[in-house]
Amino acid sequence: MARIKEETKNHIKDLTGNDLKRIVVDTCSVKHSLKKDEHFIDTEDFKKIPSIVNKTKSVSLEAKNHFDNKVIKFTEEKENGLIIIMEVRAKKGELALITMYRQKKSR
């Protein structure tokens, strides 16, 4: 889908110890994200993934997933921004989408 910018690569390497090269989005993760009404996203939001991953400063390492891969959470820093959950596929040098959803509106 897209390349990871150098600054982002370095930040992810500091966070995870892995050297990643590209962002990938597969059909399963898209279907998973879209099928849940409470995620409040549409197909246009998937185009924003590279920009959010490469620009956001709100990045955190989460628990490992059921495949024992490291999981990273990217949070778009704006009201009702997107939260993108991605797994590290170290052997392939990939950062792969697991799911994404929109932050709840503040009351």
C-alpha atoms as a PDB file:
ATOM      1  CA  MET A   1       0.000   0.000   0.000  1.00  0.00           C
ATOM      2  CA  ALA A   2       2.657   2.544   1.024  1.00  0.00           C
ATOM      3  CA  ARG A   3       6.205   3.036   2.205  1.00  0.00           C
ATOM      4  CA  ILE A   4       7.052   4.030   5.764  1.00  0.00           C
ATOM      5  CA  LYS A   5       8.967   7.319   5.968  1.00  0.00           C
ATOM      6  CA  GLU A   6      12.452   7.280   7.478  1.00  0.00           C
ATOM      7  CA  GLU A   7      11.527   9.228  10.636  1.00  0.00           C
ATOM      8  CA  THR A   8       8.607   6.868  11.274  1.00  0.00           C
ATOM      9  CA  LYS A   9      10.800   3.801  10.611  1.00  0.00           C
ATOM     10  CA  ASN A  10      13.254   5.020  13.234  1.00  0.00           C
ATOM     11  CA  HIS A  11      10.494   5.703  15.769  1.00  0.00           C
ATOM     12  CA  ILE A  12       8.961   2.247  15.222  1.00  0.00           C
ATOM     13  CA  LYS A  13      12.401   0.617  15.466  1.00  0.00           C
ATOM     14  CA  ASP A  14      13.007   2.396  18.793  1.00  0.00           C
ATOM     15  CA  LEU A  15       9.594   1.220  19.996  1.00  0.00           C
ATOM     16  CA  THR A  16       9.672  -2.392  18.764  1.00  0.00           C
ATOM     17  CA  GLY A  17      13.238  -3.236  17.760  1.00  0.00           C
ATOM     18  CA  ASN A  18      12.020  -4.084  14.250  1.00  0.00           C
ATOM     19  CA  ASP A  19      13.026  -2.514  10.935  1.00  0.00           C
ATOM     20  CA  LEU A  20       9.881  -2.091   8.838  1.00  0.00           C
ATOM     21  CA  LYS A  21       9.611  -0.898   5.251  1.00  0.00           C
ATOM     22  CA  ARG A  22       5.981  -0.798   4.175  1.00  0.00           C
ATOM     23  CA  ILE A  23       2.369  -0.493   5.252  1.00  0.00           C
ATOM     24  CA  VAL A  24      -0.025  -3.197   4.065  1.00  0.00           C
ATOM     25  CA  VAL A  25      -3.800  -3.440   4.209  1.00  0.00           C
ATOM     26  CA  ASP A  26      -5.469  -6.730   3.357  1.00  0.00           C
ATOM     27  CA  THR A  27      -9.069  -7.585   2.559  1.00  0.00           C
ATOM     28  CA  CYS A  28      -9.737  -9.227   5.927  1.00  0.00           C
ATOM     29  CA  SER A  29      -8.707  -6.153   7.917  1.00  0.00           C
ATOM     30  CA  VAL A  30     -10.808  -3.880   5.689  1.00  0.00           C
ATOM     31  CA  LYS A  31     -13.874  -6.111   6.084  1.00  0.00           C
ATOM     32  CA  HIS A  32     -13.322  -6.329   9.841  1.00  0.00           C
ATOM     33  CA  SER A  33     -13.085  -2.548  10.163  1.00  0.00           C
ATOM     34  CA  LEU A  34     -16.128  -1.820   7.993  1.00  0.00           C
ATOM     35  CA  LYS A  35     -18.489  -4.473   9.332  1.00  0.00           C
ATOM     36  CA  LYS A  36     -18.746  -2.901  12.769  1.00  0.00           C
ATOM     37  CA  ASP A  37     -21.148   0.030  12.771  1.00  0.00           C
ATOM     38  CA  GLU A  38     -19.647   1.359  15.996  1.00  0.00           C
ATOM     39  CA  HIS A  39     -16.314   1.943  14.196  1.00  0.00           C
ATOM     40  CA  PHE A  40     -17.829   4.969  12.372  1.00  0.00           C
ATOM     41  CA  ILE A  41     -15.569   4.695   9.309  1.00  0.00           C
ATOM     42  CA  ASP A  42     -16.051   4.502   5.564  1.00  0.00           C
ATOM     43  CA  THR A  43     -13.922   3.407   2.618  1.00  0.00           C
ATOM     44  CA  GLU A  44     -12.381   6.873   2.200  1.00  0.00           C
ATOM     45  CA  ASP A  45     -10.777   6.565   5.651  1.00  0.00           C
ATOM     46  CA  PHE A  46      -8.473   3.795   4.415  1.00  0.00           C
ATOM     47  CA  LYS A  47      -6.725   6.306   2.138  1.00  0.00           C
ATOM     48  CA  LYS A  48      -5.633   8.221   5.253  1.00  0.00           C
ATOM     49  CA  ILE A  49      -3.677   5.316   6.783  1.00  0.00           C
ATOM     50  CA  PRO A  50      -0.242   6.144   5.275  1.00  0.00           C
ATOM     51  CA  SER A  51      -0.546   9.799   6.216  1.00  0.00           C
ATOM     52  CA  ILE A  52      -1.606   9.060   9.802  1.00  0.00           C
ATOM     53  CA  VAL A  53       1.071   6.396  10.301  1.00  0.00           C
ATOM     54  CA  ASN A  54       3.798   8.653   8.890  1.00  0.00           C
ATOM     55  CA  LYS A  55       2.740  11.893  10.609  1.00  0.00           C
ATOM     56  CA  THR A  56       1.185  11.126  13.983  1.00  0.00           C
ATOM     57  CA  LYS A  57       3.222  11.457  17.147  1.00  0.00           C
ATOM     58  CA  SER A  58       0.675   9.506  19.194  1.00  0.00           C
ATOM     59  CA  VAL A  59       2.080   5.990  18.784  1.00  0.00           C
ATOM     60  CA  SER A  60       2.043   3.277  21.436  1.00  0.00           C
ATOM     61  CA  LEU A  61       3.107  -0.335  21.694  1.00  0.00           C
ATOM     62  CA  GLU A  62       0.184  -2.516  22.778  1.00  0.00           C
ATOM     63  CA  ALA A  63      -0.004  -6.171  23.882  1.00  0.00           C
ATOM     64  CA  LYS A  64       0.947  -8.852  21.351  1.00  0.00           C
ATOM     65  CA  ASN A  65      -1.805 -10.377  19.224  1.00  0.00           C
ATOM     66  CA  HIS A  66      -2.786 -14.055  19.046  1.00  0.00           C
ATOM     67  CA  PHE A  67      -0.040 -14.675  16.450  1.00  0.00           C
ATOM     68  CA  ASP A  68       2.497 -13.324  18.990  1.00  0.00           C
ATOM     69  CA  ASN A  69       3.163 -10.285  16.768  1.00  0.00           C
ATOM     70  CA  LYS A  70       3.737  -6.873  18.327  1.00  0.00           C
ATOM     71  CA  VAL A  71       0.789  -4.494  17.991  1.00  0.00           C
ATOM     72  CA  ILE A  72       1.080  -0.734  17.510  1.00  0.00           C
ATOM     73  CA  LYS A  73      -1.686   1.818  18.020  1.00  0.00           C
ATOM     74  CA  PHE A  74      -1.645   5.046  15.984  1.00  0.00           C
ATOM     75  CA  THR A  75      -4.036   7.771  17.157  1.00  0.00           C
ATOM     76  CA  GLU A  76      -4.890  10.658  14.848  1.00  0.00           C
ATOM     77  CA  GLU A  77      -4.513  13.785  16.952  1.00  0.00           C
ATOM     78  CA  LYS A  78      -7.763  15.598  16.271  1.00  0.00           C
ATOM     79  CA  GLU A  79     -11.338  15.471  17.488  1.00  0.00           C
ATOM     80  CA  ASN A  80     -13.083  12.365  16.140  1.00  0.00           C
ATOM     81  CA  GLY A  81      -9.748  11.221  14.689  1.00  0.00           C
ATOM     82  CA  LEU A  82      -9.003   7.681  13.557  1.00  0.00           C
ATOM     83  CA  ILE A  83      -7.381   5.045  15.713  1.00  0.00           C
ATOM     84  CA  ILE A  84      -5.400   2.551  13.665  1.00  0.00           C
ATOM     85  CA  ILE A  85      -4.299  -0.775  15.138  1.00  0.00           C
ATOM     86  CA  MET A  86      -1.493  -2.488  13.222  1.00  0.00           C
ATOM     87  CA  GLU A  87       0.647  -5.578  13.685  1.00  0.00           C
ATOM     88  CA  VAL A  88       4.371  -5.846  13.108  1.00  0.00           C
ATOM     89  CA  ARG A  89       5.246  -8.555  10.594  1.00  0.00           C
ATOM     90  CA  ALA A  90       8.949  -8.524  11.334  1.00  0.00           C
ATOM     91  CA  LYS A  91      10.084 -11.190   8.847  1.00  0.00           C
ATOM     92  CA  LYS A  92       8.371  -9.389   5.957  1.00  0.00           C
ATOM     93  CA  GLY A  93       9.274  -5.876   7.142  1.00  0.00           C
ATOM     94  CA  GLU A  94       5.596  -4.947   7.152  1.00  0.00           C
ATOM     95  CA  LEU A  95       3.236  -2.965   9.300  1.00  0.00           C
ATOM     96  CA  ALA A  96      -0.186  -4.530   8.640  1.00  0.00           C
ATOM     97  CA  LEU A  97      -3.629  -3.189   9.482  1.00  0.00           C
ATOM     98  CA  ILE A  98      -5.614  -5.184  12.036  1.00  0.00           C
ATOM     99  CA  THR A  99      -8.521  -2.775  12.478  1.00  0.00           C
ATOM    100  CA  MET A 100      -9.366   0.891  12.621  1.00  0.00           C
ATOM    101  CA  TYR A 101     -12.098   2.983  14.153  1.00  0.00           C
ATOM    102  CA  ARG A 102     -13.021   6.560  14.894  1.00  0.00           C
ATOM    103  CA  GLN A 103     -12.589   8.051  18.354  1.00  0.00           C
ATOM    104  CA  LYS A 104     -15.823   8.661  20.180  1.00  0.00           C
ATOM    105  CA  LYS A 105     -17.079  12.205  20.128  1.00  0.00           C
ATOM    106  CA  SER A 106     -16.451  14.125  23.317  1.00  0.00           C
ATOM    107  CA  ARG A 107     -19.551  15.130  25.197  1.00  0.00           C
END
